[in-house]
Amino acid sequence: MKKKDFPERRRYIRLKKIFPVEFRIIDSGNQPLSGLLQGFSRDVGFNGICLEINQLSPEQLEQLRSDQARLHLFLNLTTWQEPVKATGRLCWDRPGSSTHPHSRLLGIEYVTIDSSEQKRVIRYARNSRFINQAAVSLFVLMIVFSVALTLENVRLSQSNKSLLRDFIRFTERQQDTRNQLNRLRLEKQIVERML
């Protein structure tokens, strides 16, 4: 069901980022219509957020679809920071990807949010994407480095084996030369005695 056509929906890039979001359904006078509910972000934009909710009852969904209904949002970006607080309104909803019977995806447009907090949400989502890309790049780099080290280790091992073979051949030649030298000395001594 489309509540209203959401013109801002594609104006800003939607950043994929999952974090917990708590919310209450409130009326136009900021009176709670529900207890604290929980969902997870699916993506984040400058003007809103997409939430996936598993425990949303049909009655609560009908409350959200009301023009007067709002959501009091608590975006829990990290465990060590205060949540970002905002008020939003439902722009669209559809069945969620979960197998839960009441799973819904909710497109929420911010009605009120502090601009610095709004920037903090976007910065967090962008930085998380960068950190994820950096982690993947670092992982790939570590694999390449490990392969390079393994290949270098194999090359050095083969070189060491070759050097060891050469050393053994040299030692054997040296021993042969000593044996020949000893034989020659012995023959010399025999010849000198005969003379």
N, C-alpha and C. Protein backbone atom coordinates (compact mmCIF):
# COMPACT_ATOMS: atom_id res chain seq x y z
N MET A 1 0.84 -1.18 0.00
CA MET A 1 0.00 0.00 0.00
C MET A 1 0.89 1.24 0.00
N LYS A 2 0.67 2.14 -0.90
CA LYS A 2 1.38 3.41 -0.90
C LYS A 2 0.51 4.41 -0.18
N LYS A 3 1.07 4.98 0.86
CA LYS A 3 0.31 5.99 1.60
C LYS A 3 0.21 7.25 0.76
N LYS A 4 1.36 7.73 0.33
CA LYS A 4 1.44 8.91 -0.53
C LYS A 4 2.64 8.72 -1.41
N ASP A 5 2.60 9.33 -2.55
CA ASP A 5 3.80 9.30 -3.38
C ASP A 5 4.85 10.11 -2.65
N PHE A 6 6.03 9.55 -2.48
CA PHE A 6 7.09 10.15 -1.66
C PHE A 6 8.11 10.79 -2.61
N PRO A 7 7.97 12.10 -2.94
CA PRO A 7 8.83 12.73 -3.93
C PRO A 7 10.29 12.78 -3.51
N GLU A 8 10.58 12.78 -2.22
CA GLU A 8 11.96 12.87 -1.75
C GLU A 8 12.65 11.52 -1.77
N ARG A 9 11.90 10.47 -2.08
CA ARG A 9 12.40 9.11 -1.91
C ARG A 9 13.71 8.85 -2.63
N ARG A 10 13.89 9.36 -3.82
CA ARG A 10 15.10 9.10 -4.59
C ARG A 10 16.01 10.32 -4.70
N ARG A 11 15.71 11.37 -3.97
CA ARG A 11 16.51 12.58 -4.08
C ARG A 11 17.92 12.39 -3.53
N TYR A 12 18.05 11.58 -2.50
CA TYR A 12 19.34 11.32 -1.89
C TYR A 12 19.67 9.85 -2.00
N ILE A 13 20.93 9.56 -2.06
CA ILE A 13 21.40 8.18 -2.11
C ILE A 13 20.97 7.47 -0.84
N ARG A 14 20.47 6.26 -1.00
CA ARG A 14 20.09 5.44 0.14
C ARG A 14 21.29 4.57 0.51
N LEU A 15 21.73 4.67 1.75
CA LEU A 15 22.90 3.92 2.21
C LEU A 15 22.44 2.69 2.98
N LYS A 16 22.91 1.54 2.55
CA LYS A 16 22.56 0.29 3.24
C LYS A 16 23.32 0.22 4.56
N LYS A 17 22.60 0.18 5.64
CA LYS A 17 23.22 0.06 6.96
C LYS A 17 22.18 -0.48 7.92
N ILE A 18 22.57 -1.50 8.69
CA ILE A 18 21.65 -2.10 9.64
C ILE A 18 22.06 -1.71 11.06
N PHE A 19 21.11 -1.15 11.79
CA PHE A 19 21.29 -0.87 13.21
C PHE A 19 19.90 -0.90 13.86
N PRO A 20 19.85 -1.16 15.16
CA PRO A 20 18.54 -1.24 15.84
C PRO A 20 17.87 0.13 15.95
N VAL A 21 16.57 0.11 15.80
CA VAL A 21 15.76 1.33 15.93
C VAL A 21 14.57 0.99 16.83
N GLU A 22 14.41 1.79 17.87
CA GLU A 22 13.24 1.66 18.73
C GLU A 22 12.30 2.81 18.38
N PHE A 23 10.99 2.55 18.53
CA PHE A 23 10.04 3.62 18.21
C PHE A 23 8.73 3.40 18.95
N ARG A 24 8.00 4.49 19.07
CA ARG A 24 6.63 4.47 19.58
C ARG A 24 5.74 5.12 18.53
N ILE A 25 4.55 4.61 18.43
CA ILE A 25 3.55 5.27 17.58
C ILE A 25 2.90 6.34 18.45
N ILE A 26 2.87 7.56 17.96
CA ILE A 26 2.27 8.66 18.72
C ILE A 26 1.22 9.36 17.86
N ASP A 27 0.32 10.07 18.52
CA ASP A 27 -0.69 10.83 17.78
C ASP A 27 -0.20 12.25 17.55
N SER A 28 -1.01 13.09 16.95
CA SER A 28 -0.61 14.46 16.62
C SER A 28 -0.30 15.29 17.86
N GLY A 29 -0.81 14.89 19.03
CA GLY A 29 -0.51 15.59 20.28
C GLY A 29 0.65 14.96 21.03
N ASN A 30 1.42 14.14 20.37
CA ASN A 30 2.58 13.43 20.94
C ASN A 30 2.20 12.45 22.05
N GLN A 31 0.95 12.02 22.09
CA GLN A 31 0.51 11.01 23.06
C GLN A 31 0.80 9.62 22.48
N PRO A 32 1.38 8.73 23.31
CA PRO A 32 1.71 7.40 22.80
C PRO A 32 0.47 6.57 22.46
N LEU A 33 0.53 5.93 21.31
CA LEU A 33 -0.52 5.00 20.89
C LEU A 33 -0.05 3.56 21.02
N SER A 34 1.25 3.38 21.30
CA SER A 34 1.82 2.04 21.45
C SER A 34 2.94 2.08 22.47
N GLY A 35 3.32 0.91 22.91
CA GLY A 35 4.51 0.80 23.74
C GLY A 35 5.74 0.91 22.84
N LEU A 36 6.89 0.70 23.43
CA LEU A 36 8.14 0.76 22.68
C LEU A 36 8.25 -0.47 21.79
N LEU A 37 8.42 -0.25 20.50
CA LEU A 37 8.58 -1.33 19.51
C LEU A 37 10.00 -1.28 18.97
N GLN A 38 10.42 -2.38 18.37
CA GLN A 38 11.79 -2.42 17.86
C GLN A 38 11.83 -2.98 16.45
N GLY A 39 12.74 -2.42 15.67
CA GLY A 39 13.00 -2.89 14.32
C GLY A 39 14.45 -2.64 13.98
N PHE A 40 14.77 -2.84 12.71
CA PHE A 40 16.13 -2.63 12.24
C PHE A 40 16.10 -1.82 10.95
N SER A 41 17.08 -0.96 10.80
CA SER A 41 17.17 -0.19 9.57
C SER A 41 17.51 -1.12 8.42
N ARG A 42 16.98 -0.82 7.26
CA ARG A 42 17.36 -1.55 6.04
C ARG A 42 18.25 -0.65 5.18
N ASP A 43 17.87 0.61 5.11
CA ASP A 43 18.72 1.61 4.48
C ASP A 43 18.38 2.97 5.07
N VAL A 44 19.29 3.91 4.85
CA VAL A 44 19.19 5.23 5.46
C VAL A 44 19.37 6.28 4.37
N GLY A 45 18.56 7.30 4.42
CA GLY A 45 18.70 8.44 3.51
C GLY A 45 18.74 9.72 4.33
N PHE A 46 18.99 10.83 3.67
CA PHE A 46 19.08 12.09 4.39
C PHE A 46 17.72 12.49 4.95
N ASN A 47 16.65 12.17 4.22
CA ASN A 47 15.31 12.59 4.65
C ASN A 47 14.49 11.50 5.32
N GLY A 48 15.05 10.29 5.43
CA GLY A 48 14.26 9.23 6.04
C GLY A 48 15.02 7.94 6.17
N ILE A 49 14.26 6.92 6.55
CA ILE A 49 14.86 5.62 6.84
C ILE A 49 13.86 4.52 6.48
N CYS A 50 14.36 3.39 6.05
CA CYS A 50 13.52 2.21 5.82
C CYS A 50 13.75 1.26 6.99
N LEU A 51 12.67 0.87 7.64
CA LEU A 51 12.75 -0.04 8.79
C LEU A 51 12.12 -1.38 8.45
N GLU A 52 12.68 -2.44 9.02
CA GLU A 52 12.02 -3.74 8.97
C GLU A 52 11.58 -4.07 10.38
N ILE A 53 10.28 -4.34 10.52
CA ILE A 53 9.67 -4.60 11.82
C ILE A 53 9.04 -5.99 11.76
N ASN A 54 9.31 -6.81 12.78
CA ASN A 54 8.72 -8.15 12.82
C ASN A 54 7.46 -8.24 13.67
N GLN A 55 7.38 -7.47 14.73
CA GLN A 55 6.28 -7.65 15.69
C GLN A 55 5.15 -6.64 15.50
N LEU A 56 5.05 -6.02 14.37
CA LEU A 56 4.01 -5.01 14.15
C LEU A 56 2.66 -5.70 13.90
N SER A 57 1.70 -5.43 14.77
CA SER A 57 0.38 -6.05 14.63
C SER A 57 -0.42 -5.32 13.55
N PRO A 58 -1.45 -5.96 13.02
CA PRO A 58 -2.30 -5.28 12.03
C PRO A 58 -2.93 -3.99 12.58
N GLU A 59 -3.28 -3.99 13.88
CA GLU A 59 -3.87 -2.79 14.49
C GLU A 59 -2.85 -1.64 14.51
N GLN A 60 -1.61 -1.97 14.88
CA GLN A 60 -0.57 -0.94 14.91
C GLN A 60 -0.28 -0.42 13.50
N LEU A 61 -0.30 -1.30 12.52
CA LEU A 61 -0.10 -0.87 11.13
C LEU A 61 -1.20 0.10 10.71
N GLU A 62 -2.44 -0.20 11.08
CA GLU A 62 -3.55 0.71 10.76
C GLU A 62 -3.36 2.06 11.45
N GLN A 63 -2.86 2.05 12.70
CA GLN A 63 -2.59 3.31 13.40
C GLN A 63 -1.55 4.12 12.63
N LEU A 64 -0.50 3.44 12.17
CA LEU A 64 0.57 4.13 11.42
C LEU A 64 0.06 4.73 10.12
N ARG A 65 -0.88 4.07 9.50
CA ARG A 65 -1.40 4.54 8.21
C ARG A 65 -2.27 5.78 8.36
N SER A 66 -2.66 6.10 9.59
CA SER A 66 -3.47 7.29 9.84
C SER A 66 -2.63 8.54 9.55
N ASP A 67 -3.25 9.56 8.98
CA ASP A 67 -2.54 10.81 8.65
C ASP A 67 -2.02 11.52 9.89
N GLN A 68 -2.67 11.32 11.05
CA GLN A 68 -2.24 11.99 12.27
C GLN A 68 -1.12 11.23 13.01
N ALA A 69 -0.91 9.98 12.66
CA ALA A 69 0.06 9.15 13.38
C ALA A 69 1.50 9.55 13.02
N ARG A 70 2.34 9.49 14.00
CA ARG A 70 3.77 9.75 13.83
C ARG A 70 4.53 8.64 14.56
N LEU A 71 5.81 8.59 14.30
CA LEU A 71 6.69 7.65 15.01
C LEU A 71 7.73 8.45 15.77
N HIS A 72 7.86 8.17 17.04
CA HIS A 72 8.94 8.77 17.83
C HIS A 72 10.09 7.77 17.75
N LEU A 73 11.16 8.12 17.03
CA LEU A 73 12.25 7.19 16.69
C LEU A 73 13.45 7.38 17.60
N PHE A 74 14.10 6.26 17.93
CA PHE A 74 15.38 6.25 18.65
C PHE A 74 16.33 5.40 17.81
N LEU A 75 17.21 6.05 17.05
CA LEU A 75 18.15 5.35 16.16
C LEU A 75 19.41 5.01 16.96
N ASN A 76 19.60 3.74 17.25
CA ASN A 76 20.74 3.28 18.06
C ASN A 76 21.91 2.94 17.15
N LEU A 77 22.65 3.97 16.76
CA LEU A 77 23.77 3.77 15.82
C LEU A 77 24.87 2.93 16.45
N THR A 78 25.21 3.24 17.70
CA THR A 78 26.26 2.49 18.40
C THR A 78 25.80 2.26 19.84
N THR A 79 26.48 1.35 20.50
CA THR A 79 26.11 1.07 21.89
C THR A 79 26.69 2.09 22.86
N TRP A 80 27.70 2.83 22.43
CA TRP A 80 28.37 3.76 23.35
C TRP A 80 27.91 5.21 23.19
N GLN A 81 27.02 5.48 22.26
CA GLN A 81 26.52 6.85 22.08
C GLN A 81 25.02 6.89 22.35
N GLU A 82 24.57 8.08 22.69
CA GLU A 82 23.13 8.28 22.85
C GLU A 82 22.44 8.04 21.51
N PRO A 83 21.23 7.50 21.52
CA PRO A 83 20.53 7.30 20.24
C PRO A 83 20.14 8.64 19.62
N VAL A 84 20.04 8.64 18.31
CA VAL A 84 19.54 9.81 17.59
C VAL A 84 18.02 9.79 17.72
N LYS A 85 17.46 10.92 18.14
CA LYS A 85 16.01 11.00 18.30
C LYS A 85 15.43 11.78 17.14
N ALA A 86 14.30 11.29 16.65
CA ALA A 86 13.62 11.94 15.53
C ALA A 86 12.14 11.59 15.59
N THR A 87 11.37 12.36 14.86
CA THR A 87 9.96 12.05 14.66
C THR A 87 9.78 11.84 13.17
N GLY A 88 8.99 10.83 12.83
CA GLY A 88 8.79 10.53 11.42
C GLY A 88 7.35 10.19 11.12
N ARG A 89 7.06 10.09 9.84
CA ARG A 89 5.72 9.68 9.40
C ARG A 89 5.87 8.57 8.38
N LEU A 90 4.87 7.71 8.33
CA LEU A 90 4.88 6.59 7.38
C LEU A 90 4.59 7.12 5.99
N CYS A 91 5.45 6.79 5.04
CA CYS A 91 5.23 7.17 3.64
C CYS A 91 4.76 5.97 2.81
N TRP A 92 5.26 4.80 3.15
CA TRP A 92 4.85 3.58 2.46
C TRP A 92 5.14 2.38 3.35
N ASP A 93 4.47 1.28 3.06
CA ASP A 93 4.76 0.03 3.76
C ASP A 93 4.49 -1.13 2.81
N ARG A 94 5.17 -2.23 3.06
CA ARG A 94 4.97 -3.45 2.27
C ARG A 94 5.45 -4.64 3.11
N PRO A 95 5.10 -5.84 2.71
CA PRO A 95 5.56 -7.02 3.47
C PRO A 95 7.09 -7.06 3.54
N GLY A 96 7.60 -7.50 4.69
CA GLY A 96 9.04 -7.59 4.90
C GLY A 96 9.62 -8.87 4.33
N SER A 97 10.91 -9.01 4.43
CA SER A 97 11.60 -10.18 3.89
C SER A 97 11.64 -11.33 4.89
N SER A 98 11.30 -11.07 6.13
CA SER A 98 11.32 -12.10 7.17
C SER A 98 10.15 -13.06 6.99
N THR A 99 10.28 -14.25 7.54
CA THR A 99 9.18 -15.22 7.50
C THR A 99 8.15 -14.97 8.59
N HIS A 100 8.44 -14.01 9.46
CA HIS A 100 7.51 -13.66 10.52
C HIS A 100 6.21 -13.17 9.89
N PRO A 101 5.04 -13.61 10.40
CA PRO A 101 3.77 -13.26 9.74
C PRO A 101 3.45 -11.77 9.75
N HIS A 102 3.99 -11.02 10.72
CA HIS A 102 3.69 -9.59 10.78
C HIS A 102 4.89 -8.73 10.36
N SER A 103 5.83 -9.30 9.63
CA SER A 103 7.01 -8.55 9.19
C SER A 103 6.60 -7.51 8.14
N ARG A 104 7.06 -6.28 8.34
CA ARG A 104 6.75 -5.20 7.40
C ARG A 104 7.99 -4.36 7.16
N LEU A 105 8.09 -3.83 5.98
CA LEU A 105 9.06 -2.79 5.65
C LEU A 105 8.30 -1.47 5.70
N LEU A 106 8.87 -0.49 6.42
CA LEU A 106 8.23 0.80 6.55
C LEU A 106 9.16 1.88 6.01
N GLY A 107 8.65 2.67 5.08
CA GLY A 107 9.38 3.84 4.60
C GLY A 107 8.99 5.02 5.45
N ILE A 108 9.95 5.53 6.21
CA ILE A 108 9.67 6.62 7.16
C ILE A 108 10.36 7.89 6.69
N GLU A 109 9.59 8.97 6.62
CA GLU A 109 10.16 10.29 6.31
C GLU A 109 10.29 11.04 7.63
N TYR A 110 11.47 11.67 7.84
CA TYR A 110 11.64 12.46 9.05
C TYR A 110 10.71 13.67 9.01
N VAL A 111 10.04 13.91 10.12
CA VAL A 111 9.24 15.13 10.29
C VAL A 111 10.07 16.13 11.08
N THR A 112 10.69 15.65 12.17
CA THR A 112 11.61 16.49 12.93
C THR A 112 12.85 15.67 13.27
N ILE A 113 13.98 16.28 13.04
CA ILE A 113 15.27 15.71 13.43
C ILE A 113 16.26 16.85 13.46
N ASP A 114 17.09 16.89 14.45
CA ASP A 114 18.12 17.92 14.55
C ASP A 114 19.08 17.74 13.37
N SER A 115 19.44 18.83 12.70
CA SER A 115 20.27 18.72 11.49
C SER A 115 21.63 18.09 11.78
N SER A 116 22.20 18.36 12.97
CA SER A 116 23.50 17.75 13.29
C SER A 116 23.34 16.24 13.50
N GLU A 117 22.20 15.83 14.07
CA GLU A 117 21.93 14.40 14.26
C GLU A 117 21.66 13.72 12.91
N GLN A 118 20.97 14.44 12.05
CA GLN A 118 20.70 13.93 10.70
C GLN A 118 22.02 13.68 9.97
N LYS A 119 22.94 14.61 10.09
CA LYS A 119 24.26 14.45 9.47
C LYS A 119 25.04 13.31 10.13
N ARG A 120 24.85 13.16 11.44
CA ARG A 120 25.53 12.07 12.16
C ARG A 120 25.09 10.70 11.65
N VAL A 121 23.79 10.55 11.38
CA VAL A 121 23.27 9.29 10.84
C VAL A 121 23.89 9.00 9.49
N ILE A 122 23.90 9.99 8.61
CA ILE A 122 24.46 9.80 7.26
C ILE A 122 25.96 9.54 7.35
N ARG A 123 26.64 10.29 8.18
CA ARG A 123 28.09 10.10 8.35
C ARG A 123 28.38 8.69 8.85
N TYR A 124 27.59 8.23 9.82
CA TYR A 124 27.76 6.88 10.37
C TYR A 124 27.56 5.83 9.27
N ALA A 125 26.51 5.98 8.48
CA ALA A 125 26.23 5.00 7.42
C ALA A 125 27.34 5.03 6.36
N ARG A 126 27.78 6.23 5.97
CA ARG A 126 28.86 6.33 4.97
C ARG A 126 30.17 5.76 5.52
N ASN A 127 30.51 6.14 6.76
CA ASN A 127 31.75 5.64 7.36
C ASN A 127 31.72 4.13 7.52
N SER A 128 30.55 3.59 7.88
CA SER A 128 30.43 2.14 8.01
C SER A 128 30.67 1.47 6.67
N ARG A 129 30.13 2.09 5.61
CA ARG A 129 30.35 1.53 4.27
C ARG A 129 31.83 1.60 3.92
N PHE A 130 32.47 2.72 4.24
CA PHE A 130 33.90 2.87 3.97
C PHE A 130 34.71 1.86 4.80
N ILE A 131 34.34 1.73 6.08
CA ILE A 131 35.05 0.79 6.94
C ILE A 131 34.88 -0.63 6.43
N ASN A 132 33.67 -0.98 5.99
CA ASN A 132 33.46 -2.32 5.43
C ASN A 132 34.29 -2.53 4.19
N GLN A 133 34.33 -1.53 3.30
CA GLN A 133 35.14 -1.65 2.09
C GLN A 133 36.61 -1.73 2.43
N ALA A 134 37.04 -0.94 3.42
CA ALA A 134 38.45 -0.98 3.84
C ALA A 134 38.79 -2.34 4.44
N ALA A 135 37.86 -2.90 5.22
CA ALA A 135 38.10 -4.22 5.82
C ALA A 135 38.21 -5.29 4.74
N VAL A 136 37.33 -5.23 3.75
CA VAL A 136 37.40 -6.19 2.64
C VAL A 136 38.70 -6.02 1.88
N SER A 137 39.07 -4.76 1.61
CA SER A 137 40.33 -4.49 0.90
C SER A 137 41.52 -4.99 1.70
N LEU A 138 41.50 -4.76 3.01
CA LEU A 138 42.58 -5.24 3.86
C LEU A 138 42.65 -6.75 3.86
N PHE A 139 41.49 -7.40 3.91
CA PHE A 139 41.44 -8.86 3.87
C PHE A 139 42.02 -9.39 2.56
N VAL A 140 41.63 -8.78 1.44
CA VAL A 140 42.16 -9.19 0.13
C VAL A 140 43.66 -8.96 0.08
N LEU A 141 44.10 -7.81 0.60
CA LEU A 141 45.53 -7.50 0.63
C LEU A 141 46.29 -8.53 1.48
N MET A 142 45.70 -8.94 2.60
CA MET A 142 46.35 -9.94 3.44
C MET A 142 46.45 -11.28 2.71
N ILE A 143 45.41 -11.63 1.96
CA ILE A 143 45.45 -12.89 1.20
C ILE A 143 46.55 -12.81 0.14
N VAL A 144 46.59 -11.69 -0.59
CA VAL A 144 47.63 -11.52 -1.63
C VAL A 144 49.02 -11.57 -0.99
N PHE A 145 49.18 -10.89 0.14
CA PHE A 145 50.46 -10.88 0.84
C PHE A 145 50.83 -12.29 1.30
N SER A 146 49.84 -13.05 1.82
CA SER A 146 50.09 -14.42 2.26
C SER A 146 50.51 -15.30 1.10
N VAL A 147 49.82 -15.14 -0.04
CA VAL A 147 50.19 -15.92 -1.23
C VAL A 147 51.60 -15.55 -1.68
N ALA A 148 51.90 -14.25 -1.68
CA ALA A 148 53.24 -13.81 -2.08
C ALA A 148 54.30 -14.37 -1.13
N LEU A 149 54.01 -14.34 0.18
CA LEU A 149 54.96 -14.91 1.15
C LEU A 149 55.12 -16.41 0.96
N THR A 150 54.03 -17.10 0.68
CA THR A 150 54.10 -18.54 0.45
C THR A 150 54.93 -18.85 -0.79
N LEU A 151 54.70 -18.09 -1.86
CA LEU A 151 55.48 -18.29 -3.09
C LEU A 151 56.95 -17.99 -2.85
N GLU A 152 57.23 -16.93 -2.10
CA GLU A 152 58.62 -16.58 -1.79
C GLU A 152 59.24 -17.67 -0.91
N ASN A 153 58.47 -18.20 0.02
CA ASN A 153 58.95 -19.28 0.88
C ASN A 153 59.28 -20.53 0.04
N VAL A 154 58.41 -20.84 -0.91
CA VAL A 154 58.66 -21.99 -1.80
C VAL A 154 59.93 -21.74 -2.61
N ARG A 155 60.07 -20.52 -3.15
CA ARG A 155 61.25 -20.19 -3.94
C ARG A 155 62.53 -20.29 -3.09
N LEU A 156 62.47 -19.75 -1.87
CA LEU A 156 63.64 -19.82 -0.98
C LEU A 156 63.95 -21.26 -0.57
N SER A 157 62.90 -22.04 -0.35
CA SER A 157 63.09 -23.44 0.01
C SER A 157 63.77 -24.20 -1.14
N GLN A 158 63.33 -23.94 -2.37
CA GLN A 158 63.96 -24.58 -3.53
C GLN A 158 65.40 -24.11 -3.69
N SER A 159 65.61 -22.82 -3.46
CA SER A 159 66.97 -22.28 -3.54
C SER A 159 67.86 -22.90 -2.47
N ASN A 160 67.33 -23.06 -1.26
CA ASN A 160 68.09 -23.69 -0.18
C ASN A 160 68.42 -25.14 -0.51
N LYS A 161 67.44 -25.85 -1.09
CA LYS A 161 67.69 -27.24 -1.48
C LYS A 161 68.78 -27.31 -2.54
N SER A 162 68.74 -26.37 -3.48
CA SER A 162 69.77 -26.33 -4.53
C SER A 162 71.13 -26.03 -3.93
N LEU A 163 71.18 -25.07 -2.99
CA LEU A 163 72.44 -24.75 -2.32
C LEU A 163 72.95 -25.93 -1.51
N LEU A 164 72.03 -26.64 -0.86
CA LEU A 164 72.42 -27.81 -0.08
C LEU A 164 72.99 -28.91 -0.99
N ARG A 165 72.35 -29.13 -2.14
CA ARG A 165 72.87 -30.10 -3.11
C ARG A 165 74.26 -29.69 -3.59
N ASP A 166 74.42 -28.40 -3.90
CA ASP A 166 75.74 -27.90 -4.34
C ASP A 166 76.78 -28.08 -3.23
N PHE A 167 76.38 -27.81 -1.99
CA PHE A 167 77.30 -27.96 -0.86
C PHE A 167 77.71 -29.42 -0.69
N ILE A 168 76.74 -30.33 -0.81
CA ILE A 168 77.04 -31.76 -0.70
C ILE A 168 77.99 -32.19 -1.81
N ARG A 169 77.71 -31.74 -3.06
CA ARG A 169 78.61 -32.06 -4.18
C ARG A 169 80.00 -31.50 -3.94
N PHE A 170 80.08 -30.26 -3.45
CA PHE A 170 81.38 -29.65 -3.17
C PHE A 170 82.12 -30.44 -2.09
N THR A 171 81.38 -30.82 -1.03
CA THR A 171 81.99 -31.59 0.06
C THR A 171 82.47 -32.95 -0.46
N GLU A 172 81.65 -33.58 -1.30
CA GLU A 172 82.07 -34.87 -1.87
C GLU A 172 83.31 -34.70 -2.74
N ARG A 173 83.35 -33.65 -3.57
CA ARG A 173 84.53 -33.38 -4.41
C ARG A 173 85.76 -33.11 -3.55
N GLN A 174 85.51 -32.31 -2.50
CA GLN A 174 86.62 -32.00 -1.58
C GLN A 174 87.17 -33.28 -0.95
N GLN A 175 86.26 -34.16 -0.55
CA GLN A 175 86.68 -35.44 0.03
C GLN A 175 87.41 -36.29 -1.00
N ASP A 176 86.91 -36.31 -2.23
CA ASP A 176 87.58 -37.05 -3.31
C ASP A 176 88.97 -36.48 -3.55
N THR A 177 89.06 -35.14 -3.57
CA THR A 177 90.36 -34.49 -3.78
C THR A 177 91.31 -34.85 -2.66
N ARG A 178 90.87 -34.84 -1.41
CA ARG A 178 91.71 -35.23 -0.27
C ARG A 178 92.17 -36.69 -0.40
N ASN A 179 91.20 -37.53 -0.78
CA ASN A 179 91.55 -38.94 -0.96
C ASN A 179 92.61 -39.11 -2.05
N GLN A 180 92.44 -38.39 -3.16
CA GLN A 180 93.44 -38.47 -4.24
C GLN A 180 94.78 -37.91 -3.78
N LEU A 181 94.73 -36.82 -3.04
CA LEU A 181 95.95 -36.21 -2.52
C LEU A 181 96.64 -37.16 -1.56
N ASN A 182 95.89 -37.79 -0.70
CA ASN A 182 96.47 -38.78 0.22
C ASN A 182 97.06 -39.96 -0.53
N ARG A 183 96.40 -40.41 -1.57
CA ARG A 183 96.91 -41.50 -2.40
C ARG A 183 98.21 -41.10 -3.07
N LEU A 184 98.23 -39.84 -3.59
CA LEU A 184 99.45 -39.34 -4.25
C LEU A 184 100.59 -39.24 -3.24
N ARG A 185 100.30 -38.78 -2.05
CA ARG A 185 101.34 -38.70 -1.01
C ARG A 185 101.88 -40.09 -0.67
N LEU A 186 100.92 -41.02 -0.57
CA LEU A 186 101.32 -42.39 -0.27
C LEU A 186 102.18 -42.97 -1.39
N GLU A 187 101.79 -42.71 -2.63
CA GLU A 187 102.56 -43.17 -3.77
C GLU A 187 103.93 -42.49 -3.81
N LYS A 188 103.96 -41.22 -3.47
CA LYS A 188 105.22 -40.49 -3.42
C LYS A 188 106.15 -41.10 -2.39
N GLN A 189 105.58 -41.40 -1.23
CA GLN A 189 106.40 -42.01 -0.17
C GLN A 189 106.93 -43.38 -0.61
N ILE A 190 106.08 -44.12 -1.32
CA ILE A 190 106.50 -45.43 -1.80
C ILE A 190 107.62 -45.28 -2.82
N VAL A 191 107.45 -44.32 -3.71
CA VAL A 191 108.47 -44.06 -4.76
C VAL A 191 109.77 -43.60 -4.10
N GLU A 192 109.68 -42.72 -3.12
CA GLU A 192 110.88 -42.22 -2.44
C GLU A 192 111.60 -43.35 -1.71
N ARG A 193 110.91 -44.28 -1.15
CA ARG A 193 111.54 -45.41 -0.48
C ARG A 193 112.25 -46.33 -1.46
N MET A 194 111.66 -46.44 -2.60
CA MET A 194 112.26 -47.30 -3.61
C MET A 194 113.53 -46.68 -4.16
N LEU A 195 113.66 -45.45 -4.13
CA LEU A 195 114.84 -44.77 -4.67
C LEU A 195 115.89 -44.69 -3.65
